[in-house]
Amino acid sequence: MIKAKKKYGQNFLIDKGVINKIIEAINPKNLDQILEIGPGLGALTSQILNKVDHIDVVEIDPDMIKILQEKLPPSKITIFPLNILEMSNDAIGKYDKVIGNLPYYISSEILLKMIKTINNQKDLHFMLQKEVAERISSSTHSKSYGRLSVMLQYFFDIELLFDIKPESFSPPPKVTSSLVRLIPKINHENTVKNIDSFEKLLKLSFSQKRKTIKNNLKPILNDSELNMLAINPQDRAEMLSLSDFVRIENYIFDKIILD
């Protein structure tokens, strides 16, 4: 009997009803190029292979790799024996769909990496800790709204699909999970001029959530500039919308260029 390893954050999905529901949400088509992150024992993998001819997976655990190799013929599966964070962005970008039950301890890092891989993706489907799922899909004035919310919502339309109870996994995690769908945005209502700078702005804005945006951005903007940008200096970062942050970033970018 294979035991889940804590160091890999493993929780194996065992609920057949939930598996079917996830497959329905992913809606794999025969010609889709699919990458699965952390397939584990292959519960989703096997079902997806009923819909497509081949699947690529990223699996770091040698024991899981051995099981997948015994369970599935090599003509049906390609296994990359590494951590998804080590996989090149270009390699991930070639897939139509990226799916996975993300390890909770690195889920935010994986989500941020996905931003840099957008190319051919139709959509991404991830099982996440419910708290993280709510954070990335939350809107302004919400306690869970933060840097990760704004950054991901700039690149994706995010749908919180359904919750998954702990007992659907073995071993059951201590928290509820959620399935989310991320659809890359083709057109941005407002385009950021420099993504790296935008990420730094968000980090600074949300660095001390109890402080006003005026205080958090004091090193780079003054009150009159915030007012000119239609931002109330007394507002906290959680009260600013995505378009507000894009407006601030582009002003700062132009200001630096002009200086």
C-alpha atoms as a PDB file:
ATOM      1  CA  MET A   1       0.000   0.000   0.000  1.00  0.00           C
ATOM      2  CA  ILE A   2       1.477   3.322  -1.123  1.00  0.00           C
ATOM      3  CA  LYS A   3       1.403   6.004   1.566  1.00  0.00           C
ATOM      4  CA  ALA A   4       1.115   9.709   0.784  1.00  0.00           C
ATOM      5  CA  LYS A   5       4.290  11.638   1.469  1.00  0.00           C
ATOM      6  CA  LYS A   6       4.021  14.840   3.478  1.00  0.00           C
ATOM      7  CA  LYS A   7       7.111  16.347   1.854  1.00  0.00           C
ATOM      8  CA  TYR A   8       5.283  16.339  -1.499  1.00  0.00           C
ATOM      9  CA  GLY A   9       1.969  17.524  -0.040  1.00  0.00           C
ATOM     10  CA  GLN A  10       0.212  14.432  -1.380  1.00  0.00           C
ATOM     11  CA  ASN A  11      -3.523  13.829  -0.984  1.00  0.00           C
ATOM     12  CA  PHE A  12      -4.848  11.271  -3.465  1.00  0.00           C
ATOM     13  CA  LEU A  13      -8.277  11.856  -4.984  1.00  0.00           C
ATOM     14  CA  ILE A  14     -10.377   8.694  -4.502  1.00  0.00           C
ATOM     15  CA  ASP A  15     -14.018   9.826  -4.871  1.00  0.00           C
ATOM     16  CA  LYS A  16     -15.250   8.532  -8.250  1.00  0.00           C
ATOM     17  CA  GLY A  17     -18.188  10.937  -8.283  1.00  0.00           C
ATOM     18  CA  VAL A  18     -15.872  13.913  -7.800  1.00  0.00           C
ATOM     19  CA  ILE A  19     -13.448  12.548 -10.413  1.00  0.00           C
ATOM     20  CA  ASN A  20     -16.290  12.350 -12.961  1.00  0.00           C
ATOM     21  CA  LYS A  21     -17.392  15.871 -12.066  1.00  0.00           C
ATOM     22  CA  ILE A  22     -13.856  17.193 -12.590  1.00  0.00           C
ATOM     23  CA  ILE A  23     -13.517  15.407 -15.944  1.00  0.00           C
ATOM     24  CA  GLU A  24     -16.808  16.957 -17.024  1.00  0.00           C
ATOM     25  CA  ALA A  25     -15.509  20.421 -16.049  1.00  0.00           C
ATOM     26  CA  ILE A  26     -12.183  19.909 -17.867  1.00  0.00           C
ATOM     27  CA  ASN A  27     -14.049  18.601 -20.925  1.00  0.00           C
ATOM     28  CA  PRO A  28     -11.002  17.045 -22.635  1.00  0.00           C
ATOM     29  CA  LYS A  29     -11.216  16.702 -26.419  1.00  0.00           C
ATOM     30  CA  ASN A  30      -9.386  14.112 -28.488  1.00  0.00           C
ATOM     31  CA  LEU A  31      -6.850  16.543 -29.996  1.00  0.00           C
ATOM     32  CA  ASP A  32      -6.158  18.488 -26.802  1.00  0.00           C
ATOM     33  CA  GLN A  33      -2.547  18.634 -25.638  1.00  0.00           C
ATOM     34  CA  ILE A  34      -2.900  18.208 -21.857  1.00  0.00           C
ATOM     35  CA  LEU A  35      -0.364  18.615 -19.076  1.00  0.00           C
ATOM     36  CA  GLU A  36      -1.251  17.259 -15.637  1.00  0.00           C
ATOM     37  CA  ILE A  37       0.647  18.471 -12.577  1.00  0.00           C
ATOM     38  CA  GLY A  38       1.118  15.877  -9.829  1.00  0.00           C
ATOM     39  CA  PRO A  39      -0.964  12.958 -11.161  1.00  0.00           C
ATOM     40  CA  GLY A  40      -0.139  10.796  -8.127  1.00  0.00           C
ATOM     41  CA  LEU A  41      -1.833   7.412  -8.507  1.00  0.00           C
ATOM     42  CA  GLY A  42      -3.414   8.476 -11.813  1.00  0.00           C
ATOM     43  CA  ALA A  43      -7.067   8.800 -10.750  1.00  0.00           C
ATOM     44  CA  LEU A  44      -7.699  11.712 -13.132  1.00  0.00           C
ATOM     45  CA  THR A  45      -5.065  10.616 -15.628  1.00  0.00           C
ATOM     46  CA  SER A  46      -6.757   7.289 -16.374  1.00  0.00           C
ATOM     47  CA  GLN A  47     -10.142   8.918 -16.916  1.00  0.00           C
ATOM     48  CA  ILE A  48      -8.742  11.622 -19.192  1.00  0.00           C
ATOM     49  CA  LEU A  49      -7.117   8.912 -21.309  1.00  0.00           C
ATOM     50  CA  ASN A  50     -10.627   7.654 -22.067  1.00  0.00           C
ATOM     51  CA  LYS A  51     -11.091  10.960 -23.923  1.00  0.00           C
ATOM     52  CA  VAL A  52      -7.649  11.642 -25.423  1.00  0.00           C
ATOM     53  CA  ASP A  53      -4.922   9.490 -26.982  1.00  0.00           C
ATOM     54  CA  HIS A  54      -2.003  10.800 -24.925  1.00  0.00           C
ATOM     55  CA  ILE A  55      -1.239  12.873 -21.857  1.00  0.00           C
ATOM     56  CA  ASP A  56       1.909  14.470 -20.460  1.00  0.00           C
ATOM     57  CA  VAL A  57       2.373  14.628 -16.692  1.00  0.00           C
ATOM     58  CA  VAL A  58       4.817  16.199 -14.252  1.00  0.00           C
ATOM     59  CA  GLU A  59       5.503  13.963 -11.246  1.00  0.00           C
ATOM     60  CA  ILE A  60       8.335  14.379  -8.751  1.00  0.00           C
ATOM     61  CA  ASP A  61       7.759  11.233  -6.643  1.00  0.00           C
ATOM     62  CA  PRO A  62       9.657   8.149  -7.970  1.00  0.00           C
ATOM     63  CA  ASP A  63       7.106   5.808  -6.347  1.00  0.00           C
ATOM     64  CA  MET A  64       4.224   7.503  -8.195  1.00  0.00           C
ATOM     65  CA  ILE A  65       6.188   7.398 -11.444  1.00  0.00           C
ATOM     66  CA  LYS A  66       6.648   3.651 -11.046  1.00  0.00           C
ATOM     67  CA  ILE A  67       2.915   3.132 -10.441  1.00  0.00           C
ATOM     68  CA  LEU A  68       1.982   5.239 -13.479  1.00  0.00           C
ATOM     69  CA  GLN A  69       4.429   3.294 -15.641  1.00  0.00           C
ATOM     70  CA  GLU A  70       2.908  -0.006 -14.473  1.00  0.00           C
ATOM     71  CA  LYS A  71      -0.671   1.199 -14.880  1.00  0.00           C
ATOM     72  CA  LEU A  72      -0.418   2.963 -18.251  1.00  0.00           C
ATOM     73  CA  PRO A  73       1.394   2.027 -21.497  1.00  0.00           C
ATOM     74  CA  PRO A  74       4.243   4.359 -22.541  1.00  0.00           C
ATOM     75  CA  SER A  75       2.402   5.151 -25.790  1.00  0.00           C
ATOM     76  CA  LYS A  76      -0.336   6.835 -23.702  1.00  0.00           C
ATOM     77  CA  ILE A  77       1.725   8.863 -21.237  1.00  0.00           C
ATOM     78  CA  THR A  78       4.901  10.940 -21.093  1.00  0.00           C
ATOM     79  CA  ILE A  79       6.230  11.491 -17.576  1.00  0.00           C
ATOM     80  CA  PHE A  80       8.480  14.420 -16.691  1.00  0.00           C
ATOM     81  CA  PRO A  81      10.218  13.466 -13.405  1.00  0.00           C
ATOM     82  CA  LEU A  82      10.552  16.925 -11.876  1.00  0.00           C
ATOM     83  CA  ASN A  83       8.951  19.704  -9.864  1.00  0.00           C
ATOM     84  CA  ILE A  84       6.594  21.795 -12.022  1.00  0.00           C
ATOM     85  CA  LEU A  85       8.451  24.926 -10.854  1.00  0.00           C
ATOM     86  CA  GLU A  86      11.544  23.548 -12.632  1.00  0.00           C
ATOM     87  CA  MET A  87       9.763  23.067 -15.968  1.00  0.00           C
ATOM     88  CA  SER A  88      10.456  25.775 -18.530  1.00  0.00           C
ATOM     89  CA  ASN A  89       7.724  28.309 -19.239  1.00  0.00           C
ATOM     90  CA  ASP A  90       7.992  27.643 -22.981  1.00  0.00           C
ATOM     91  CA  ALA A  91       7.486  23.914 -22.432  1.00  0.00           C
ATOM     92  CA  ILE A  92       4.311  24.518 -20.406  1.00  0.00           C
ATOM     93  CA  GLY A  93       3.096  27.101 -22.920  1.00  0.00           C
ATOM     94  CA  LYS A  94       2.659  24.520 -25.691  1.00  0.00           C
ATOM     95  CA  TYR A  95      -0.298  22.817 -23.961  1.00  0.00           C
ATOM     96  CA  ASP A  96      -3.986  23.500 -24.637  1.00  0.00           C
ATOM     97  CA  LYS A  97      -4.960  22.589 -21.098  1.00  0.00           C
ATOM     98  CA  VAL A  98      -3.078  22.425 -17.804  1.00  0.00           C
ATOM     99  CA  ILE A  99      -4.697  20.604 -14.889  1.00  0.00           C
ATOM    100  CA  GLY A 100      -3.752  19.314 -11.472  1.00  0.00           C
ATOM    101  CA  ASN A 101      -4.306  18.825  -7.771  1.00  0.00           C
ATOM    102  CA  LEU A 102      -1.741  21.396  -6.646  1.00  0.00           C
ATOM    103  CA  PRO A 103       0.278  20.787  -3.470  1.00  0.00           C
ATOM    104  CA  TYR A 104      -1.009  23.360  -0.986  1.00  0.00           C
ATOM    105  CA  TYR A 105       2.452  24.442   0.140  1.00  0.00           C
ATOM    106  CA  ILE A 106       3.505  25.685  -3.322  1.00  0.00           C
ATOM    107  CA  SER A 107       0.128  26.406  -4.955  1.00  0.00           C
ATOM    108  CA  SER A 108       0.651  30.198  -5.016  1.00  0.00           C
ATOM    109  CA  GLU A 109       4.079  29.797  -6.632  1.00  0.00           C
ATOM    110  CA  ILE A 110       2.626  27.486  -9.287  1.00  0.00           C
ATOM    111  CA  LEU A 111      -0.237  29.888 -10.014  1.00  0.00           C
ATOM    112  CA  LEU A 112       2.181  32.798 -10.444  1.00  0.00           C
ATOM    113  CA  LYS A 113       4.344  30.653 -12.724  1.00  0.00           C
ATOM    114  CA  MET A 114       1.306  29.958 -14.936  1.00  0.00           C
ATOM    115  CA  ILE A 115       1.148  33.685 -15.726  1.00  0.00           C
ATOM    116  CA  LYS A 116       4.489  33.391 -17.506  1.00  0.00           C
ATOM    117  CA  THR A 117       3.471  30.322 -19.527  1.00  0.00           C
ATOM    118  CA  ILE A 118       0.355  31.680 -21.264  1.00  0.00           C
ATOM    119  CA  ASN A 119       0.511  30.855 -24.955  1.00  0.00           C
ATOM    120  CA  ASN A 120      -1.810  28.192 -26.383  1.00  0.00           C
ATOM    121  CA  GLN A 121      -3.876  27.482 -23.275  1.00  0.00           C
ATOM    122  CA  LYS A 122      -7.638  27.308 -23.665  1.00  0.00           C
ATOM    123  CA  ASP A 123      -8.017  26.926 -19.918  1.00  0.00           C
ATOM    124  CA  LEU A 124      -6.454  25.638 -16.704  1.00  0.00           C
ATOM    125  CA  HIS A 125      -8.215  23.585 -14.020  1.00  0.00           C
ATOM    126  CA  PHE A 126      -6.718  23.274 -10.563  1.00  0.00           C
ATOM    127  CA  MET A 127      -7.749  21.797  -7.249  1.00  0.00           C
ATOM    128  CA  LEU A 128      -6.678  24.252  -4.558  1.00  0.00           C
ATOM    129  CA  GLN A 129      -7.174  24.833  -0.886  1.00  0.00           C
ATOM    130  CA  LYS A 130     -10.578  26.563  -0.700  1.00  0.00           C
ATOM    131  CA  GLU A 131      -9.011  29.580   1.008  1.00  0.00           C
ATOM    132  CA  VAL A 132      -6.619  30.068  -1.936  1.00  0.00           C
ATOM    133  CA  ALA A 133      -9.420  29.545  -4.473  1.00  0.00           C
ATOM    134  CA  GLU A 134     -11.492  32.232  -2.751  1.00  0.00           C
ATOM    135  CA  ARG A 135      -8.494  34.556  -2.584  1.00  0.00           C
ATOM    136  CA  ILE A 136      -7.697  34.425  -6.298  1.00  0.00           C
ATOM    137  CA  SER A 137     -11.355  34.872  -7.290  1.00  0.00           C
ATOM    138  CA  SER A 138     -12.223  37.536  -4.687  1.00  0.00           C
ATOM    139  CA  SER A 139     -13.190  41.108  -5.506  1.00  0.00           C
ATOM    140  CA  THR A 140     -12.405  44.486  -3.940  1.00  0.00           C
ATOM    141  CA  HIS A 141     -13.459  45.245  -0.344  1.00  0.00           C
ATOM    142  CA  SER A 142     -12.970  41.568   0.525  1.00  0.00           C
ATOM    143  CA  LYS A 143     -10.593  40.417   3.274  1.00  0.00           C
ATOM    144  CA  SER A 144      -9.202  37.733   0.980  1.00  0.00           C
ATOM    145  CA  TYR A 145      -8.506  40.221  -1.851  1.00  0.00           C
ATOM    146  CA  GLY A 146      -4.785  40.795  -2.266  1.00  0.00           C
ATOM    147  CA  ARG A 147      -1.720  40.754  -4.500  1.00  0.00           C
ATOM    148  CA  LEU A 148      -2.416  37.240  -5.805  1.00  0.00           C
ATOM    149  CA  SER A 149      -6.035  38.175  -6.625  1.00  0.00           C
ATOM    150  CA  VAL A 150      -5.067  41.227  -8.692  1.00  0.00           C
ATOM    151  CA  MET A 151      -2.125  39.598 -10.453  1.00  0.00           C
ATOM    152  CA  LEU A 152      -4.058  36.507 -11.538  1.00  0.00           C
ATOM    153  CA  GLN A 153      -7.209  38.441 -12.444  1.00  0.00           C
ATOM    154  CA  TYR A 154      -5.162  40.616 -14.782  1.00  0.00           C
ATOM    155  CA  PHE A 155      -4.226  37.521 -16.805  1.00  0.00           C
ATOM    156  CA  PHE A 156      -7.224  35.213 -16.295  1.00  0.00           C
ATOM    157  CA  ASP A 157     -10.968  35.100 -15.980  1.00  0.00           C
ATOM    158  CA  ILE A 158     -11.351  32.971 -12.857  1.00  0.00           C
ATOM    159  CA  GLU A 159     -14.302  30.718 -12.066  1.00  0.00           C
ATOM    160  CA  LEU A 160     -14.735  28.991  -8.712  1.00  0.00           C
ATOM    161  CA  LEU A 161     -16.513  25.810  -9.852  1.00  0.00           C
ATOM    162  CA  PHE A 162     -17.240  23.640  -6.785  1.00  0.00           C
ATOM    163  CA  ASP A 163     -15.917  22.545  -3.409  1.00  0.00           C
ATOM    164  CA  ILE A 164     -14.412  19.127  -2.715  1.00  0.00           C
ATOM    165  CA  LYS A 165     -14.763  17.644   0.772  1.00  0.00           C
ATOM    166  CA  PRO A 166     -11.702  16.322   2.654  1.00  0.00           C
ATOM    167  CA  GLU A 167     -13.068  12.773   2.631  1.00  0.00           C
ATOM    168  CA  SER A 168     -12.804  12.722  -1.177  1.00  0.00           C
ATOM    169  CA  PHE A 169      -9.044  12.342  -0.674  1.00  0.00           C
ATOM    170  CA  SER A 170      -6.727   9.826   0.950  1.00  0.00           C
ATOM    171  CA  PRO A 171      -5.424  10.845   3.370  1.00  0.00           C
ATOM    172  CA  PRO A 172      -8.109  13.495   3.909  1.00  0.00           C
ATOM    173  CA  PRO A 173      -6.598  16.991   4.176  1.00  0.00           C
ATOM    174  CA  LYS A 174      -7.555  19.190   7.120  1.00  0.00           C
ATOM    175  CA  VAL A 175      -9.239  21.703   4.827  1.00  0.00           C
ATOM    176  CA  THR A 176     -11.849  21.785   2.077  1.00  0.00           C
ATOM    177  CA  SER A 177     -10.586  22.024  -1.503  1.00  0.00           C
ATOM    178  CA  SER A 178     -12.099  23.792  -4.518  1.00  0.00           C
ATOM    179  CA  LEU A 179     -11.859  23.298  -8.261  1.00  0.00           C
ATOM    180  CA  VAL A 180     -11.155  26.500 -10.170  1.00  0.00           C
ATOM    181  CA  ARG A 181     -11.077  27.272 -13.877  1.00  0.00           C
ATOM    182  CA  LEU A 182      -8.669  29.897 -15.213  1.00  0.00           C
ATOM    183  CA  ILE A 183      -9.255  31.165 -18.753  1.00  0.00           C
ATOM    184  CA  PRO A 184      -6.454  33.318 -20.210  1.00  0.00           C
ATOM    185  CA  LYS A 185      -7.643  36.775 -21.238  1.00  0.00           C
ATOM    186  CA  ILE A 186      -7.120  37.449 -24.932  1.00  0.00           C
ATOM    187  CA  ASN A 187      -7.787  41.175 -24.678  1.00  0.00           C
ATOM    188  CA  HIS A 188      -7.121  43.360 -21.650  1.00  0.00           C
ATOM    189  CA  GLU A 189      -9.477  46.236 -20.965  1.00  0.00           C
ATOM    190  CA  ASN A 190      -6.450  48.190 -19.718  1.00  0.00           C
ATOM    191  CA  THR A 191      -2.939  47.019 -20.559  1.00  0.00           C
ATOM    192  CA  VAL A 192      -0.034  47.217 -18.140  1.00  0.00           C
ATOM    193  CA  LYS A 193       3.104  48.722 -19.699  1.00  0.00           C
ATOM    194  CA  ASN A 194       5.545  46.687 -17.595  1.00  0.00           C
ATOM    195  CA  ILE A 195       4.508  43.440 -15.880  1.00  0.00           C
ATOM    196  CA  ASP A 196       7.581  43.134 -13.627  1.00  0.00           C
ATOM    197  CA  SER A 197       7.028  46.661 -12.353  1.00  0.00           C
ATOM    198  CA  PHE A 198       3.309  45.912 -11.904  1.00  0.00           C
ATOM    199  CA  GLU A 199       4.144  42.912  -9.727  1.00  0.00           C
ATOM    200  CA  LYS A 200       6.423  45.097  -7.578  1.00  0.00           C
ATOM    201  CA  LEU A 201       3.680  47.717  -7.254  1.00  0.00           C
ATOM    202  CA  LEU A 202       1.204  45.101  -6.008  1.00  0.00           C
ATOM    203  CA  LYS A 203       3.726  43.716  -3.534  1.00  0.00           C
ATOM    204  CA  LEU A 204       4.322  47.208  -2.150  1.00  0.00           C
ATOM    205  CA  SER A 205       0.619  48.116  -2.108  1.00  0.00           C
ATOM    206  CA  PHE A 206      -0.378  45.038  -0.114  1.00  0.00           C
ATOM    207  CA  SER A 207       2.784  44.863   2.014  1.00  0.00           C
ATOM    208  CA  GLN A 208       0.940  46.246   5.051  1.00  0.00           C
ATOM    209  CA  LYS A 209      -2.763  45.671   4.469  1.00  0.00           C
ATOM    210  CA  ARG A 210      -3.899  47.762   7.444  1.00  0.00           C
ATOM    211  CA  LYS A 211      -2.105  50.849   6.129  1.00  0.00           C
ATOM    212  CA  THR A 212      -3.547  53.265   3.573  1.00  0.00           C
ATOM    213  CA  ILE A 213      -2.424  53.198  -0.038  1.00  0.00           C
ATOM    214  CA  LYS A 214      -0.892  56.623   0.623  1.00  0.00           C
ATOM    215  CA  ASN A 215       1.425  55.164   3.266  1.00  0.00           C
ATOM    216  CA  ASN A 216       2.298  51.994   1.364  1.00  0.00           C
ATOM    217  CA  LEU A 217       3.140  53.934  -1.816  1.00  0.00           C
ATOM    218  CA  LYS A 218       4.789  56.856  -0.031  1.00  0.00           C
ATOM    219  CA  PRO A 219       8.233  56.102  -1.556  1.00  0.00           C
ATOM    220  CA  ILE A 220       6.919  56.493  -5.124  1.00  0.00           C
ATOM    221  CA  LEU A 221       3.715  58.610  -5.130  1.00  0.00           C
ATOM    222  CA  ASN A 222       2.388  61.633  -3.251  1.00  0.00           C
ATOM    223  CA  ASP A 223      -1.182  62.660  -2.379  1.00  0.00           C
ATOM    224  CA  SER A 224      -1.644  64.969  -5.327  1.00  0.00           C
ATOM    225  CA  GLU A 225      -0.576  62.262  -7.764  1.00  0.00           C
ATOM    226  CA  LEU A 226      -2.984  59.753  -6.223  1.00  0.00           C
ATOM    227  CA  ASN A 227      -5.826  62.285  -6.395  1.00  0.00           C
ATOM    228  CA  MET A 228      -4.962  63.007 -10.020  1.00  0.00           C
ATOM    229  CA  LEU A 229      -5.274  59.255 -10.684  1.00  0.00           C
ATOM    230  CA  ALA A 230      -8.738  59.259  -9.021  1.00  0.00           C
ATOM    231  CA  ILE A 231      -7.396  57.247  -6.078  1.00  0.00           C
ATOM    232  CA  ASN A 232      -8.380  58.237  -2.551  1.00  0.00           C
ATOM    233  CA  PRO A 233      -5.080  58.383  -0.609  1.00  0.00           C
ATOM    234  CA  GLN A 234      -6.912  57.195   2.515  1.00  0.00           C
ATOM    235  CA  ASP A 235      -8.154  53.978   0.886  1.00  0.00           C
ATOM    236  CA  ARG A 236      -6.493  50.672   1.669  1.00  0.00           C
ATOM    237  CA  ALA A 237      -5.146  48.483  -1.121  1.00  0.00           C
ATOM    238  CA  GLU A 238      -8.073  46.065  -0.793  1.00  0.00           C
ATOM    239  CA  MET A 239     -10.419  48.887  -1.892  1.00  0.00           C
ATOM    240  CA  LEU A 240      -8.659  49.434  -5.220  1.00  0.00           C
ATOM    241  CA  SER A 241      -9.779  47.632  -8.361  1.00  0.00           C
ATOM    242  CA  LEU A 242      -7.637  45.960 -10.997  1.00  0.00           C
ATOM    243  CA  SER A 243      -8.111  48.973 -13.290  1.00  0.00           C
ATOM    244  CA  ASP A 244      -6.993  51.283 -10.449  1.00  0.00           C
ATOM    245  CA  PHE A 245      -3.723  49.377 -10.087  1.00  0.00           C
ATOM    246  CA  VAL A 246      -3.171  49.336 -13.868  1.00  0.00           C
ATOM    247  CA  ARG A 247      -3.678  53.112 -13.946  1.00  0.00           C
ATOM    248  CA  ILE A 248      -1.194  53.649 -11.097  1.00  0.00           C
ATOM    249  CA  GLU A 249       1.393  51.354 -12.690  1.00  0.00           C
ATOM    250  CA  ASN A 250       1.248  53.018 -16.084  1.00  0.00           C
ATOM    251  CA  TYR A 251       1.567  56.464 -14.531  1.00  0.00           C
ATOM    252  CA  ILE A 252       4.640  55.343 -12.543  1.00  0.00           C
ATOM    253  CA  PHE A 253       6.132  53.733 -15.652  1.00  0.00           C
ATOM    254  CA  ASP A 254       5.688  56.920 -17.717  1.00  0.00           C
ATOM    255  CA  LYS A 255       7.029  59.001 -14.855  1.00  0.00           C
ATOM    256  CA  ILE A 256      10.221  56.917 -14.679  1.00  0.00           C
ATOM    257  CA  ILE A 257      10.694  57.067 -18.449  1.00  0.00           C
ATOM    258  CA  LEU A 258      10.263  60.833 -18.481  1.00  0.00           C
ATOM    259  CA  ASP A 259      12.688  61.255 -15.587  1.00  0.00           C
END
